[in-house]
PDB file of N, CA and C in Angstrom:
ATOM      1  N   MET A   1      52.124 -36.096 -38.457  1.00  0.00           N
ATOM      2  CA  MET A   1      51.294 -35.434 -37.613  1.00  0.00           C
ATOM      3  C   MET A   1      50.572 -35.201 -38.400  1.00  0.00           C
ATOM      4  N   ASN A   2      50.259 -35.071 -40.151  1.00  0.00           N
ATOM      5  CA  ASN A   2      49.739 -34.887 -40.883  1.00  0.00           C
ATOM      6  C   ASN A   2      48.540 -36.150 -40.892  1.00  0.00           C
ATOM      7  N   LYS A   3      49.243 -37.119 -40.664  1.00  0.00           N
ATOM      8  CA  LYS A   3      48.784 -38.661 -40.952  1.00  0.00           C
ATOM      9  C   LYS A   3      47.606 -38.540 -39.781  1.00  0.00           C
ATOM     10  N   LEU A   4      48.087 -38.308 -38.488  1.00  0.00           N
ATOM     11  CA  LEU A   4      47.138 -38.438 -37.229  1.00  0.00           C
ATOM     12  C   LEU A   4      46.138 -37.642 -37.099  1.00  0.00           C
ATOM     13  N   PHE A   5      46.414 -36.279 -37.872  1.00  0.00           N
ATOM     14  CA  PHE A   5      44.910 -35.697 -37.915  1.00  0.00           C
ATOM     15  C   PHE A   5      44.203 -35.859 -39.120  1.00  0.00           C
ATOM     16  N   ILE A   6      44.827 -36.387 -39.974  1.00  0.00           N
ATOM     17  CA  ILE A   6      43.547 -36.616 -41.363  1.00  0.00           C
ATOM     18  C   ILE A   6      43.172 -38.137 -40.560  1.00  0.00           C
ATOM     19  N   THR A   7      43.375 -39.266 -39.585  1.00  0.00           N
ATOM     20  CA  THR A   7      43.018 -40.171 -39.084  1.00  0.00           C
ATOM     21  C   THR A   7      41.672 -39.617 -38.519  1.00  0.00           C
ATOM     22  N   PHE A   8      42.236 -38.881 -37.629  1.00  0.00           N
ATOM     23  CA  PHE A   8      41.421 -38.103 -36.430  1.00  0.00           C
ATOM     24  C   PHE A   8      40.022 -37.464 -37.541  1.00  0.00           C
ATOM     25  N   ALA A   9      40.217 -36.701 -38.229  1.00  0.00           N
ATOM     26  CA  ALA A   9      39.311 -36.119 -38.844  1.00  0.00           C
ATOM     27  C   ALA A   9      38.278 -36.946 -39.454  1.00  0.00           C
ATOM     28  N   PHE A  10      39.079 -38.222 -39.917  1.00  0.00           N
ATOM     29  CA  PHE A  10      38.127 -39.196 -40.652  1.00  0.00           C
ATOM     30  C   PHE A  10      37.456 -39.641 -39.443  1.00  0.00           C
ATOM     31  N   CYS A  11      37.921 -40.492 -38.389  1.00  0.00           N
ATOM     32  CA  CYS A  11      37.335 -41.146 -37.427  1.00  0.00           C
ATOM     33  C   CYS A  11      35.929 -40.140 -36.590  1.00  0.00           C
ATOM     34  N   ILE A  12      36.185 -38.577 -36.559  1.00  0.00           N
ATOM     35  CA  ILE A  12      35.322 -37.862 -35.944  1.00  0.00           C
ATOM     36  C   ILE A  12      34.068 -37.587 -37.133  1.00  0.00           C
ATOM     37  N   SER A  13      34.731 -37.634 -38.402  1.00  0.00           N
ATOM     38  CA  SER A  13      33.480 -37.669 -39.507  1.00  0.00           C
ATOM     39  C   SER A  13      32.253 -38.839 -39.917  1.00  0.00           C
ATOM     40  N   THR A  14      33.187 -39.637 -39.015  1.00  0.00           N
ATOM     41  CA  THR A  14      32.100 -41.022 -39.048  1.00  0.00           C
ATOM     42  C   THR A  14      31.826 -41.297 -38.078  1.00  0.00           C
ATOM     43  N   LEU A  15      32.118 -40.849 -36.851  1.00  0.00           N
ATOM     44  CA  LEU A  15      31.542 -40.940 -35.473  1.00  0.00           C
ATOM     45  C   LEU A  15      29.900 -40.682 -35.082  1.00  0.00           C
ATOM     46  N   SER A  16      29.698 -39.779 -35.757  1.00  0.00           N
ATOM     47  CA  SER A  16      28.678 -38.717 -35.817  1.00  0.00           C
ATOM     48  C   SER A  16      27.736 -39.512 -36.551  1.00  0.00           C
ATOM     49  N   ALA A  17      27.624 -40.165 -37.445  1.00  0.00           N
ATOM     50  CA  ALA A  17      26.801 -41.005 -37.847  1.00  0.00           C
ATOM     51  C   ALA A  17      26.829 -42.731 -37.623  1.00  0.00           C
ATOM     52  N   ALA A  18      27.877 -43.242 -36.769  1.00  0.00           N
ATOM     53  CA  ALA A  18      28.081 -44.609 -36.442  1.00  0.00           C
ATOM     54  C   ALA A  18      27.052 -45.151 -35.903  1.00  0.00           C
ATOM     55  N   GLU A  19      26.364 -44.496 -35.266  1.00  0.00           N
ATOM     56  CA  GLU A  19      24.621 -45.440 -34.580  1.00  0.00           C
ATOM     57  C   GLU A  19      24.046 -45.297 -35.786  1.00  0.00           C
ATOM     58  N   ASP A  20      23.369 -44.695 -36.651  1.00  0.00           N
ATOM     59  CA  ASP A  20      23.079 -44.988 -37.517  1.00  0.00           C
ATOM     60  C   ASP A  20      23.162 -45.448 -39.031  1.00  0.00           C
ATOM     61  N   PHE A  21      24.700 -45.888 -38.893  1.00  0.00           N
ATOM     62  CA  PHE A  21      25.233 -46.114 -40.492  1.00  0.00           C
ATOM     63  C   PHE A  21      25.665 -47.182 -39.920  1.00  0.00           C
ATOM     64  N   SER A  22      25.790 -48.630 -40.874  1.00  0.00           N
ATOM     65  CA  SER A  22      26.241 -49.376 -40.762  1.00  0.00           C
ATOM     66  C   SER A  22      26.696 -49.960 -42.535  1.00  0.00           C
ATOM     67  N   GLY A  23      28.351 -49.797 -42.103  1.00  0.00           N
ATOM     68  CA  GLY A  23      28.740 -50.040 -43.874  1.00  0.00           C
ATOM     69  C   GLY A  23      30.308 -50.143 -43.635  1.00  0.00           C
ATOM     70  N   ALA A  24      30.282 -50.057 -44.800  1.00  0.00           N
ATOM     71  CA  ALA A  24      32.250 -49.853 -44.820  1.00  0.00           C
ATOM     72  C   ALA A  24      32.873 -48.830 -45.838  1.00  0.00           C
ATOM     73  N   ASP A  25      33.984 -48.168 -45.287  1.00  0.00           N
ATOM     74  CA  ASP A  25      34.467 -47.011 -46.015  1.00  0.00           C
ATOM     75  C   ASP A  25      36.068 -46.960 -45.943  1.00  0.00           C
ATOM     76  N   CYS A  26      36.468 -46.716 -46.735  1.00  0.00           N
ATOM     77  CA  CYS A  26      37.971 -46.712 -46.899  1.00  0.00           C
ATOM     78  C   CYS A  26      38.402 -44.972 -47.479  1.00  0.00           C
ATOM     79  N   LEU A  27      40.312 -44.342 -46.596  1.00  0.00           N
ATOM     80  CA  LEU A  27      40.421 -43.507 -46.936  1.00  0.00           C
ATOM     81  C   LEU A  27      41.667 -43.995 -47.538  1.00  0.00           C
ATOM     82  N   ILE A  28      42.225 -43.132 -48.806  1.00  0.00           N
ATOM     83  CA  ILE A  28      43.418 -42.981 -48.694  1.00  0.00           C
ATOM     84  C   ILE A  28      44.371 -42.183 -49.095  1.00  0.00           C
ATOM     85  N   ILE A  29      45.367 -42.045 -48.158  1.00  0.00           N
ATOM     86  CA  ILE A  29      46.506 -41.363 -47.877  1.00  0.00           C
ATOM     87  C   ILE A  29      47.685 -41.105 -48.857  1.00  0.00           C
ATOM     88  N   GLU A  30      47.731 -40.550 -49.624  1.00  0.00           N
ATOM     89  CA  GLU A  30      48.725 -40.774 -50.513  1.00  0.00           C
ATOM     90  C   GLU A  30      50.189 -40.152 -49.894  1.00  0.00           C
ATOM     91  N   GLU A  31      49.849 -39.237 -49.450  1.00  0.00           N
ATOM     92  CA  GLU A  31      51.540 -38.421 -48.760  1.00  0.00           C
ATOM     93  C   GLU A  31      52.195 -39.682 -47.366  1.00  0.00           C
ATOM     94  N   GLU A  32      51.379 -40.298 -46.899  1.00  0.00           N
ATOM     95  CA  GLU A  32      51.302 -41.360 -45.722  1.00  0.00           C
ATOM     96  C   GLU A  32      51.774 -42.924 -46.466  1.00  0.00           C
ATOM     97  N   ASN A  33      50.948 -42.581 -47.715  1.00  0.00           N
ATOM     98  CA  ASN A  33      51.521 -44.224 -47.733  1.00  0.00           C
ATOM     99  C   ASN A  33      50.346 -45.373 -47.053  1.00  0.00           C
ATOM    100  N   SER A  34      49.228 -44.729 -46.675  1.00  0.00           N
ATOM    101  CA  SER A  34      48.243 -45.371 -46.105  1.00  0.00           C
ATOM    102  C   SER A  34      47.154 -45.725 -46.855  1.00  0.00           C
ATOM    103  N   ILE A  35      46.624 -46.555 -46.454  1.00  0.00           N
ATOM    104  CA  ILE A  35      44.956 -46.985 -46.490  1.00  0.00           C
ATOM    105  C   ILE A  35      44.612 -47.553 -45.130  1.00  0.00           C
ATOM    106  N   ILE A  36      43.315 -46.309 -44.832  1.00  0.00           N
ATOM    107  CA  ILE A  36      42.566 -46.793 -43.917  1.00  0.00           C
ATOM    108  C   ILE A  36      40.934 -47.525 -44.071  1.00  0.00           C
ATOM    109  N   CYS A  37      40.605 -48.500 -43.843  1.00  0.00           N
ATOM    110  CA  CYS A  37      39.577 -48.730 -43.838  1.00  0.00           C
ATOM    111  C   CYS A  37      38.428 -49.131 -42.455  1.00  0.00           C
ATOM    112  N   LYS A  38      37.356 -48.643 -42.675  1.00  0.00           N
ATOM    113  CA  LYS A  38      36.773 -48.827 -41.465  1.00  0.00           C
ATOM    114  C   LYS A  38      35.200 -49.172 -41.391  1.00  0.00           C
ATOM    115  N   TYR A  39      34.866 -50.296 -40.523  1.00  0.00           N
ATOM    116  CA  TYR A  39      33.583 -51.004 -40.869  1.00  0.00           C
ATOM    117  C   TYR A  39      32.867 -50.550 -39.532  1.00  0.00           C
ATOM    118  N   SER A  40      31.776 -49.740 -39.876  1.00  0.00           N
ATOM    119  CA  SER A  40      30.997 -49.595 -39.082  1.00  0.00           C
ATOM    120  C   SER A  40      29.706 -49.668 -38.642  1.00  0.00           C
ATOM    121  N   ASN A  41      29.033 -50.226 -36.921  1.00  0.00           N
ATOM    122  CA  ASN A  41      27.654 -51.295 -37.103  1.00  0.00           C
ATOM    123  C   ASN A  41      27.169 -50.220 -35.959  1.00  0.00           C
ATOM    124  N   VAL A  42      25.650 -51.153 -35.514  1.00  0.00           N
ATOM    125  CA  VAL A  42      25.241 -50.529 -34.672  1.00  0.00           C
ATOM    126  C   VAL A  42      26.020 -51.093 -33.408  1.00  0.00           C
ATOM    127  N   ARG A  43      26.400 -50.326 -31.901  1.00  0.00           N
ATOM    128  CA  ARG A  43      26.857 -50.893 -30.777  1.00  0.00           C
ATOM    129  C   ARG A  43      26.102 -52.612 -30.260  1.00  0.00           C
ATOM    130  N   LYS A  44      26.491 -53.396 -29.705  1.00  0.00           N
ATOM    131  CA  LYS A  44      26.116 -54.421 -29.455  1.00  0.00           C
ATOM    132  C   LYS A  44      26.020 -54.830 -28.037  1.00  0.00           C
ATOM    133  N   SER A  45      25.565 -55.517 -27.463  1.00  0.00           N
ATOM    134  CA  SER A  45      25.784 -56.009 -25.873  1.00  0.00           C
ATOM    135  C   SER A  45      26.473 -57.218 -25.632  1.00  0.00           C
ATOM    136  N   TYR A  46      26.919 -57.139 -26.762  1.00  0.00           N
ATOM    137  CA  TYR A  46      27.731 -58.677 -26.789  1.00  0.00           C
ATOM    138  C   TYR A  46      28.754 -59.025 -27.660  1.00  0.00           C
ATOM    139  N   ASP A  47      30.007 -59.514 -27.312  1.00  0.00           N
ATOM    140  CA  ASP A  47      31.402 -60.029 -28.288  1.00  0.00           C
ATOM    141  C   ASP A  47      30.382 -60.957 -29.112  1.00  0.00           C
ATOM    142  N   ARG A  48      31.060 -60.204 -30.498  1.00  0.00           N
ATOM    143  CA  ARG A  48      30.798 -60.913 -31.980  1.00  0.00           C
ATOM    144  C   ARG A  48      31.891 -61.274 -32.809  1.00  0.00           C
ATOM    145  N   ASN A  49      32.558 -61.925 -33.704  1.00  0.00           N
ATOM    146  CA  ASN A  49      33.320 -61.875 -34.785  1.00  0.00           C
ATOM    147  C   ASN A  49      32.903 -61.703 -36.110  1.00  0.00           C
ATOM    148  N   ILE A  50      33.355 -60.841 -36.708  1.00  0.00           N
ATOM    149  CA  ILE A  50      33.767 -60.555 -38.247  1.00  0.00           C
ATOM    150  C   ILE A  50      34.491 -60.934 -38.824  1.00  0.00           C
ATOM    151  N   LYS A  51      34.579 -61.403 -40.321  1.00  0.00           N
ATOM    152  CA  LYS A  51      35.374 -60.966 -41.076  1.00  0.00           C
ATOM    153  C   LYS A  51      35.580 -60.355 -42.039  1.00  0.00           C
ATOM    154  N   ILE A  52      37.178 -59.848 -42.162  1.00  0.00           N
ATOM    155  CA  ILE A  52      37.780 -58.679 -42.813  1.00  0.00           C
ATOM    156  C   ILE A  52      37.852 -59.558 -44.556  1.00  0.00           C
ATOM    157  N   PHE A  53      38.298 -59.191 -45.254  1.00  0.00           N
ATOM    158  CA  PHE A  53      38.571 -58.965 -46.568  1.00  0.00           C
ATOM    159  C   PHE A  53      38.946 -58.175 -47.555  1.00  0.00           C
ATOM    160  N   TRP A  54      40.430 -58.018 -47.809  1.00  0.00           N
ATOM    161  CA  TRP A  54      40.730 -57.218 -48.697  1.00  0.00           C
ATOM    162  C   TRP A  54      41.258 -57.987 -49.948  1.00  0.00           C
ATOM    163  N   ILE A  55      40.216 -57.440 -51.010  1.00  0.00           N
ATOM    164  CA  ILE A  55      40.334 -58.035 -52.926  1.00  0.00           C
ATOM    165  C   ILE A  55      41.159 -57.152 -53.631  1.00  0.00           C
ATOM    166  N   ASN A  56      41.963 -57.815 -54.246  1.00  0.00           N
ATOM    167  CA  ASN A  56      42.868 -57.391 -55.372  1.00  0.00           C
ATOM    168  C   ASN A  56      42.145 -56.599 -56.633  1.00  0.00           C
ATOM    169  N   PRO A  57      42.387 -56.108 -57.417  1.00  0.00           N
ATOM    170  CA  PRO A  57      42.260 -55.913 -58.540  1.00  0.00           C
ATOM    171  C   PRO A  57      41.749 -57.226 -59.779  1.00  0.00           C
ATOM    172  N   LYS A  58      42.406 -58.018 -59.203  1.00  0.00           N
ATOM    173  CA  LYS A  58      42.753 -59.352 -60.187  1.00  0.00           C
ATOM    174  C   LYS A  58      41.805 -60.207 -59.282  1.00  0.00           C
ATOM    175  N   GLU A  59      41.022 -59.406 -58.306  1.00  0.00           N
ATOM    176  CA  GLU A  59      39.413 -60.397 -57.287  1.00  0.00           C
ATOM    177  C   GLU A  59      40.362 -61.508 -57.047  1.00  0.00           C
ATOM    178  N   ASN A  60      41.630 -61.377 -56.448  1.00  0.00           N
ATOM    179  CA  ASN A  60      41.748 -62.634 -55.784  1.00  0.00           C
ATOM    180  C   ASN A  60      42.132 -61.806 -53.494  1.00  0.00           C
ATOM    181  N   ILE A  61      41.758 -62.393 -52.934  1.00  0.00           N
ATOM    182  CA  ILE A  61      41.721 -61.918 -51.446  1.00  0.00           C
ATOM    183  C   ILE A  61      43.239 -62.065 -51.069  1.00  0.00           C
ATOM    184  N   SER A  62      43.605 -60.606 -51.076  1.00  0.00           N
ATOM    185  CA  SER A  62      44.903 -60.364 -50.551  1.00  0.00           C
ATOM    186  C   SER A  62      45.133 -60.490 -49.074  1.00  0.00           C
ATOM    187  N   ARG A  63      44.385 -60.136 -48.123  1.00  0.00           N
ATOM    188  CA  ARG A  63      43.961 -60.439 -46.929  1.00  0.00           C
ATOM    189  C   ARG A  63      42.709 -60.780 -46.454  1.00  0.00           C
ATOM    190  N   GLU A  64      42.700 -61.933 -45.501  1.00  0.00           N
ATOM    191  CA  GLU A  64      41.321 -62.096 -45.135  1.00  0.00           C
ATOM    192  C   GLU A  64      41.507 -62.224 -43.509  1.00  0.00           C
ATOM    193  N   LYS A  65      41.025 -61.899 -42.486  1.00  0.00           N
ATOM    194  CA  LYS A  65      41.271 -62.360 -41.072  1.00  0.00           C
ATOM    195  C   LYS A  65      39.830 -62.040 -40.303  1.00  0.00           C
ATOM    196  N   GLU A  66      39.789 -62.667 -39.259  1.00  0.00           N
ATOM    197  CA  GLU A  66      38.456 -62.679 -38.337  1.00  0.00           C
ATOM    198  C   GLU A  66      38.971 -61.516 -37.178  1.00  0.00           C
ATOM    199  N   VAL A  67      38.173 -61.095 -37.151  1.00  0.00           N
ATOM    200  CA  VAL A  67      38.284 -59.667 -35.916  1.00  0.00           C
ATOM    201  C   VAL A  67      37.085 -60.068 -34.731  1.00  0.00           C
ATOM    202  N   LEU A  68      37.411 -59.637 -33.290  1.00  0.00           N
ATOM    203  CA  LEU A  68      36.322 -59.819 -32.326  1.00  0.00           C
ATOM    204  C   LEU A  68      36.211 -58.411 -32.202  1.00  0.00           C
ATOM    205  N   VAL A  69      34.521 -58.112 -32.468  1.00  0.00           N
ATOM    206  CA  VAL A  69      34.258 -56.549 -32.047  1.00  0.00           C
ATOM    207  C   VAL A  69      33.871 -57.093 -30.362  1.00  0.00           C
ATOM    208  N   PRO A  70      34.574 -56.294 -29.961  1.00  0.00           N
ATOM    209  CA  PRO A  70      33.659 -56.510 -28.264  1.00  0.00           C
ATOM    210  C   PRO A  70      32.643 -55.951 -28.094  1.00  0.00           C
ATOM    211  N   ALA A  71      31.814 -56.116 -27.009  1.00  0.00           N
ATOM    212  CA  ALA A  71      30.680 -55.600 -26.801  1.00  0.00           C
ATOM    213  C   ALA A  71      30.906 -53.934 -25.916  1.00  0.00           C
ATOM    214  N   GLY A  72      29.557 -53.375 -26.692  1.00  0.00           N
ATOM    215  CA  GLY A  72      29.708 -51.842 -26.738  1.00  0.00           C
ATOM    216  C   GLY A  72      30.546 -51.006 -27.441  1.00  0.00           C
ATOM    217  N   HIS A  73      31.344 -51.977 -28.594  1.00  0.00           N
ATOM    218  CA  HIS A  73      31.824 -51.699 -29.879  1.00  0.00           C
ATOM    219  C   HIS A  73      31.121 -51.725 -30.913  1.00  0.00           C
ATOM    220  N   GLY A  74      30.977 -50.305 -32.059  1.00  0.00           N
ATOM    221  CA  GLY A  74      30.652 -50.642 -33.043  1.00  0.00           C
ATOM    222  C   GLY A  74      31.536 -50.628 -34.424  1.00  0.00           C
ATOM    223  N   SER A  75      32.975 -50.036 -34.150  1.00  0.00           N
ATOM    224  CA  SER A  75      33.591 -49.452 -35.272  1.00  0.00           C
ATOM    225  C   SER A  75      34.811 -50.644 -35.034  1.00  0.00           C
ATOM    226  N   VAL A  76      35.203 -51.085 -36.264  1.00  0.00           N
ATOM    227  CA  VAL A  76      36.577 -51.567 -36.816  1.00  0.00           C
ATOM    228  C   VAL A  76      36.936 -51.077 -37.803  1.00  0.00           C
ATOM    229  N   TYR A  77      38.807 -51.147 -37.291  1.00  0.00           N
ATOM    230  CA  TYR A  77      39.853 -50.410 -38.534  1.00  0.00           C
ATOM    231  C   TYR A  77      40.519 -51.181 -39.059  1.00  0.00           C
ATOM    232  N   ASP A  78      41.044 -51.028 -40.252  1.00  0.00           N
ATOM    233  CA  ASP A  78      42.002 -51.897 -40.824  1.00  0.00           C
ATOM    234  C   ASP A  78      43.003 -51.027 -41.679  1.00  0.00           C
ATOM    235  N   PHE A  79      44.549 -51.165 -41.526  1.00  0.00           N
ATOM    236  CA  PHE A  79      45.127 -50.345 -42.064  1.00  0.00           C
ATOM    237  C   PHE A  79      46.190 -51.511 -42.732  1.00  0.00           C
ATOM    238  N   ARG A  80      46.712 -50.417 -44.163  1.00  0.00           N
ATOM    239  CA  ARG A  80      47.674 -51.345 -45.015  1.00  0.00           C
ATOM    240  C   ARG A  80      48.216 -49.851 -45.537  1.00  0.00           C
ATOM    241  N   TYR A  81      49.474 -50.488 -45.923  1.00  0.00           N
ATOM    242  CA  TYR A  81      50.298 -49.737 -46.917  1.00  0.00           C
ATOM    243  C   TYR A  81      50.133 -49.575 -48.294  1.00  0.00           C
ATOM    244  N   ILE A  82      49.982 -48.692 -49.330  1.00  0.00           N
ATOM    245  CA  ILE A  82      49.513 -48.163 -50.132  1.00  0.00           C
ATOM    246  C   ILE A  82      50.812 -49.440 -51.320  1.00  0.00           C
ATOM    247  N   GLU A  83      51.861 -49.073 -51.265  1.00  0.00           N
ATOM    248  CA  GLU A  83      53.510 -49.365 -51.753  1.00  0.00           C
ATOM    249  C   GLU A  83      53.180 -50.824 -51.772  1.00  0.00           C
ATOM    250  N   ALA A  84      53.591 -51.569 -52.821  1.00  0.00           N
ATOM    251  CA  ALA A  84      53.568 -52.702 -53.216  1.00  0.00           C
ATOM    252  C   ALA A  84      52.440 -53.253 -53.553  1.00  0.00           C
ATOM    253  N   ARG A  85      51.084 -52.479 -53.556  1.00  0.00           N
ATOM    254  CA  ARG A  85      49.913 -52.974 -53.785  1.00  0.00           C
ATOM    255  C   ARG A  85      49.627 -52.881 -55.242  1.00  0.00           C
ATOM    256  N   ILE A  86      48.966 -53.794 -55.940  1.00  0.00           N
ATOM    257  CA  ILE A  86      48.951 -53.800 -57.475  1.00  0.00           C
ATOM    258  C   ILE A  86      47.619 -52.552 -57.362  1.00  0.00           C
ATOM    259  N   LYS A  87      48.126 -51.638 -58.814  1.00  0.00           N
ATOM    260  CA  LYS A  87      46.776 -50.463 -58.825  1.00  0.00           C
ATOM    261  C   LYS A  87      45.788 -51.102 -59.529  1.00  0.00           C
ATOM    262  N   GLY A  88      45.034 -50.450 -59.180  1.00  0.00           N
ATOM    263  CA  GLY A  88      43.283 -50.772 -60.031  1.00  0.00           C
ATOM    264  C   GLY A  88      42.329 -50.599 -59.101  1.00  0.00           C
ATOM    265  N   LEU A  89      41.509 -51.142 -59.151  1.00  0.00           N
ATOM    266  CA  LEU A  89      40.285 -51.212 -58.200  1.00  0.00           C
ATOM    267  C   LEU A  89      40.269 -52.088 -57.284  1.00  0.00           C
ATOM    268  N   TRP A  90      39.902 -52.112 -55.627  1.00  0.00           N
ATOM    269  CA  TRP A  90      40.305 -52.608 -54.601  1.00  0.00           C
ATOM    270  C   TRP A  90      38.876 -52.859 -54.149  1.00  0.00           C
ATOM    271  N   SER A  91      38.622 -54.005 -53.402  1.00  0.00           N
ATOM    272  CA  SER A  91      37.222 -54.031 -53.020  1.00  0.00           C
ATOM    273  C   SER A  91      37.931 -54.080 -50.654  1.00  0.00           C
ATOM    274  N   PHE A  92      37.008 -53.596 -50.001  1.00  0.00           N
ATOM    275  CA  PHE A  92      37.277 -53.992 -48.823  1.00  0.00           C
ATOM    276  C   PHE A  92      35.676 -54.495 -48.328  1.00  0.00           C
ATOM    277  N   LYS A  93      36.008 -55.959 -47.816  1.00  0.00           N
ATOM    278  CA  LYS A  93      34.236 -56.657 -47.619  1.00  0.00           C
ATOM    279  C   LYS A  93      34.449 -56.753 -46.690  1.00  0.00           C
ATOM    280  N   VAL A  94      33.559 -56.651 -45.649  1.00  0.00           N
ATOM    281  CA  VAL A  94      33.352 -56.855 -43.640  1.00  0.00           C
ATOM    282  C   VAL A  94      31.865 -58.368 -44.378  1.00  0.00           C
ATOM    283  N   ILE A  95      31.617 -59.819 -43.489  1.00  0.00           N
ATOM    284  CA  ILE A  95      31.019 -60.301 -43.347  1.00  0.00           C
ATOM    285  C   ILE A  95      30.716 -60.212 -41.686  1.00  0.00           C
ATOM    286  N   ASP A  96      29.337 -60.037 -41.154  1.00  0.00           N
ATOM    287  CA  ASP A  96      29.357 -59.775 -40.215  1.00  0.00           C
ATOM    288  C   ASP A  96      27.518 -60.142 -39.801  1.00  0.00           C
ATOM    289  N   ASN A  97      27.564 -61.835 -39.277  1.00  0.00           N
ATOM    290  CA  ASN A  97      26.150 -62.015 -39.052  1.00  0.00           C
ATOM    291  C   ASN A  97      25.765 -62.209 -40.116  1.00  0.00           C
ATOM    292  N   LYS A  98      26.337 -63.097 -41.192  1.00  0.00           N
ATOM    293  CA  LYS A  98      26.019 -63.113 -42.378  1.00  0.00           C
ATOM    294  C   LYS A  98      25.368 -62.194 -43.395  1.00  0.00           C
ATOM    295  N   LYS A  99      26.001 -60.975 -42.885  1.00  0.00           N
ATOM    296  CA  LYS A  99      25.475 -59.394 -43.994  1.00  0.00           C
ATOM    297  C   LYS A  99      26.710 -58.992 -44.735  1.00  0.00           C
ATOM    298  N   GLU A 100      26.805 -58.901 -45.629  1.00  0.00           N
ATOM    299  CA  GLU A 100      28.200 -58.304 -45.954  1.00  0.00           C
ATOM    300  C   GLU A 100      27.704 -57.115 -46.563  1.00  0.00           C
ATOM    301  N   PHE A 101      29.161 -55.896 -46.020  1.00  0.00           N
ATOM    302  CA  PHE A 101      29.022 -54.482 -46.544  1.00  0.00           C
ATOM    303  C   PHE A 101      30.643 -54.645 -46.961  1.00  0.00           C
ATOM    304  N   SER A 102      30.539 -53.568 -48.038  1.00  0.00           N
ATOM    305  CA  SER A 102      31.670 -53.269 -48.680  1.00  0.00           C
ATOM    306  C   SER A 102      32.268 -52.176 -49.641  1.00  0.00           C
ATOM    307  N   THR A 103      33.055 -51.481 -49.917  1.00  0.00           N
ATOM    308  CA  THR A 103      33.287 -50.679 -50.486  1.00  0.00           C
ATOM    309  C   THR A 103      34.592 -51.040 -51.349  1.00  0.00           C
ATOM    310  N   THR A 104      34.877 -49.400 -52.346  1.00  0.00           N
ATOM    311  CA  THR A 104      35.900 -49.732 -52.949  1.00  0.00           C
ATOM    312  C   THR A 104      36.879 -48.708 -53.205  1.00  0.00           C
ATOM    313  N   PHE A 105      37.865 -49.072 -53.395  1.00  0.00           N
ATOM    314  CA  PHE A 105      38.795 -47.458 -53.542  1.00  0.00           C
ATOM    315  C   PHE A 105      40.003 -47.642 -54.836  1.00  0.00           C
ATOM    316  N   GLU A 106      40.404 -46.871 -55.049  1.00  0.00           N
ATOM    317  CA  GLU A 106      41.469 -47.453 -56.211  1.00  0.00           C
ATOM    318  C   GLU A 106      42.863 -46.762 -56.128  1.00  0.00           C
ATOM    319  N   ILE A 107      43.597 -47.801 -56.350  1.00  0.00           N
ATOM    320  CA  ILE A 107      45.227 -47.279 -56.027  1.00  0.00           C
ATOM    321  C   ILE A 107      45.485 -46.982 -57.908  1.00  0.00           C
ATOM    322  N   LYS A 108      46.237 -45.683 -57.776  1.00  0.00           N
ATOM    323  CA  LYS A 108      46.677 -45.493 -59.110  1.00  0.00           C
ATOM    324  C   LYS A 108      48.343 -45.192 -58.995  1.00  0.00           C
TER     325      LYS A 108
END
């Protein structure tokens, strides 16, 4: 229940700025062993593909995937568990139409 509330609050807090905000952000919820990352951009009238990268503290790509952003949508979320992740400074990077957006977070 706590995870649901925090996730909902995270989504609502970023939704109001979603029309004007292009970028990436991550939230660590230690009590739930969760990392939630979000990429937001202006809604488009057409489908588009973006690439998501999770980069570990050793600067190796831990996860890479291509995601379809349907027409009329402007946000993509990705989730990982904290457990078994290397401690240190991680990067969450998105490439959308040759533009790069990234954020960092620390696993302690």
